Amino acid sequence: MTLNKFMHPRNIYFNNPPDFAKLCDKYPDFKSHTLTSSSAKVNIDFKDPEALRSLTCTLLKEDFGLDVHLPIDRIIPTVPLRLNYILWIEDLLRKSDIPLDQQITGIDIGCGSSCIYPLLGFKLNNWKFIASEVDSLSLQYAKENVQENDAENFITVYEAAENTMLLEIIADNPRPDYHFTMCNPPFFGNMLEAQGILSRSMDRAEPKSVCTAAEIECIADGGEVEFVKRMIQDSLKLRHKVLWFTSMVGKKASLPLIKQDLHKHKISHFTTTEFCQGRTMRWGVAWTFHDEVEILPPAKRSKPSKERPPLRIPVPPKYIEKVLSAHPKVKGQLNKVKFFCREVKKCLKNLEITFNKMQSTTALYQYQVTATKNTWSKQRQKRRQSERMQGDTIAKTDAQQQHTEESTNTCANKDAVDISETEKSDQKKELLKKDHMIDNDLLNSGYDTTSGVAHASNHGDKSQTIEGAAVGQSHADKIDFLFKCVLAIKMEDGNILVELSWIDGKSREFMHQFGQYFKNFFKREILVYIQQQLL
């Protein structure tokens, strides 16, 4: 599925893909790499590195007036992706109230042979750059590309030592402050990962284009996560000397690990974005130590909102009959709902769940419910344990009673009978109390109540599960309650209905367990009611 519809809205290729046929008429070298189908459609073989290089150089010339030369054995950058990153930097600066007509200076860590980010920033916005590079061949091409485009006064190509990061770059290129840093780090930690043997799932399609990157460009110890962590370490020392520290990442699973490291170092001012183009998706992360800066909200692909329907729990008529059996004079549907509502509030109090009444035009009664701890799970286990304790108490009492009957007179026997009756009454009350507990063992079989992470699989993006588990300070970690929901009591076709609508919380599973509690509670109360009728 093409991602072009999610491209940055200011990207010139957004809903406006390059016209290969027109480019063929204007650029003979590009034409020599094109293929024409029987329907006269012009395309290129994206697995041919020569064709890919020709396309990149042609687009940079046609759309930006840039003359760029690229070696065939180094990264050949795709223009729409690189443009997306530059446009995001623009957004960050605008949100920080930095006028784009002001002299902006940035750092590109690892500019590559194309030096594409500095050249695009220079051409579009007259930005100045320190463009660092450690590879000698890429360094040579980068310098030539800067000279070819008369950008020496704007772009300084800096030869960095291997494993050099921001501290050394800024120390060798001092200035009062920098507006941003940017980086396209090596994605992989080793050659097996780079070749897709370790990192690519079996059911994922093969890439549509060729990769020409050299080992030094795509592999680093620990991959992109450790690379960005080193940037974070440097940023802790530089702090306000740079307005925005940013990096691209190639794997979505890397984002939560990077966020976790930011939280670890108490860096709370950060944001993320998605770079969408063609069939390729990348992600961006940015952080700042300037607390006064307004954070750009994280960008995500917009999807049609699918609001989940509320959890609906029909109330069995037999349970309503049981509730009203204690109030034989109650008549009318509204009064039935009123007395049912009282029972619901009793349940909430027994479960230590807070509730506040809400105004509603669609429900007869409506409450905002907040649960801070799980008081409804494993009720069968609790009930059995209580029953075992109860059985031990009864056996002990019977033995004591038998001994009393054998060793005392008739008057003492009468007293013993009175005591026994009192104890049995207390036991009956305890059994009734246990009837309010939930039979929830099966619900807990797929749920870890200690971690708050559902075991049910996510049918969406597989990496979402990784992200949710890895983020050290996610939204779920910050909140101090299990869930909040709206509990509405309605009347439909003469029947009473309970609706639970999600508001917020650590997991929707908690709300579903809470709903199951009511279903079990109704069944148990009905069973007790029927048994009482049969006596």
Foldseek 3Di string as FASTA:
>chain_A
DAQLCQADPPQPCRVPNDQLVVLVVVDVQLVVQWDADPVRRIDGQQADLSNLLVVLQSCCCPPQVFHADDDSQAFRDDPSLLVSVLVVLVVQCVLQVNDLQPAAEEEEEACFLRVPNQVVCCRPRVYAYEYEHADPVSLVSNVVRCVRVVNVVRYHYHHDHPPDDDVVSCVVVPDQAHAEYEYAAQAEADVCVVVVVPPPDPPDDDDSHHGSHDCRRRHDHVGPLVVVLVVVVVCVVCAGRYAKYKYKYQDPLSVLSNLQSCVVVPFPAKEKEWHGGTPGIIMMIMGHNPVVRDHDHYYDRDDPDDADFWDKDFFDVLLLVLQCVVPVVDDDLLSSLVSVVVVVVVLCVVQVKDWDWDDDPAFPTKIKIFAQADSAPPLVVVVVVVVVVVVVVVVVLVVVLVVQVVPDDPVSNVVSVVVVVVVVVVVVVVVVVSLLHAPHPVLCPQPDRVPLQGNDQDPPDNSVSSSVVRNPCDPQNPDRTAFIWMWGWHADPNTIMITTHGDDHSDCSSVVSVSNSVVRSSVSSSVVSVVVVVD
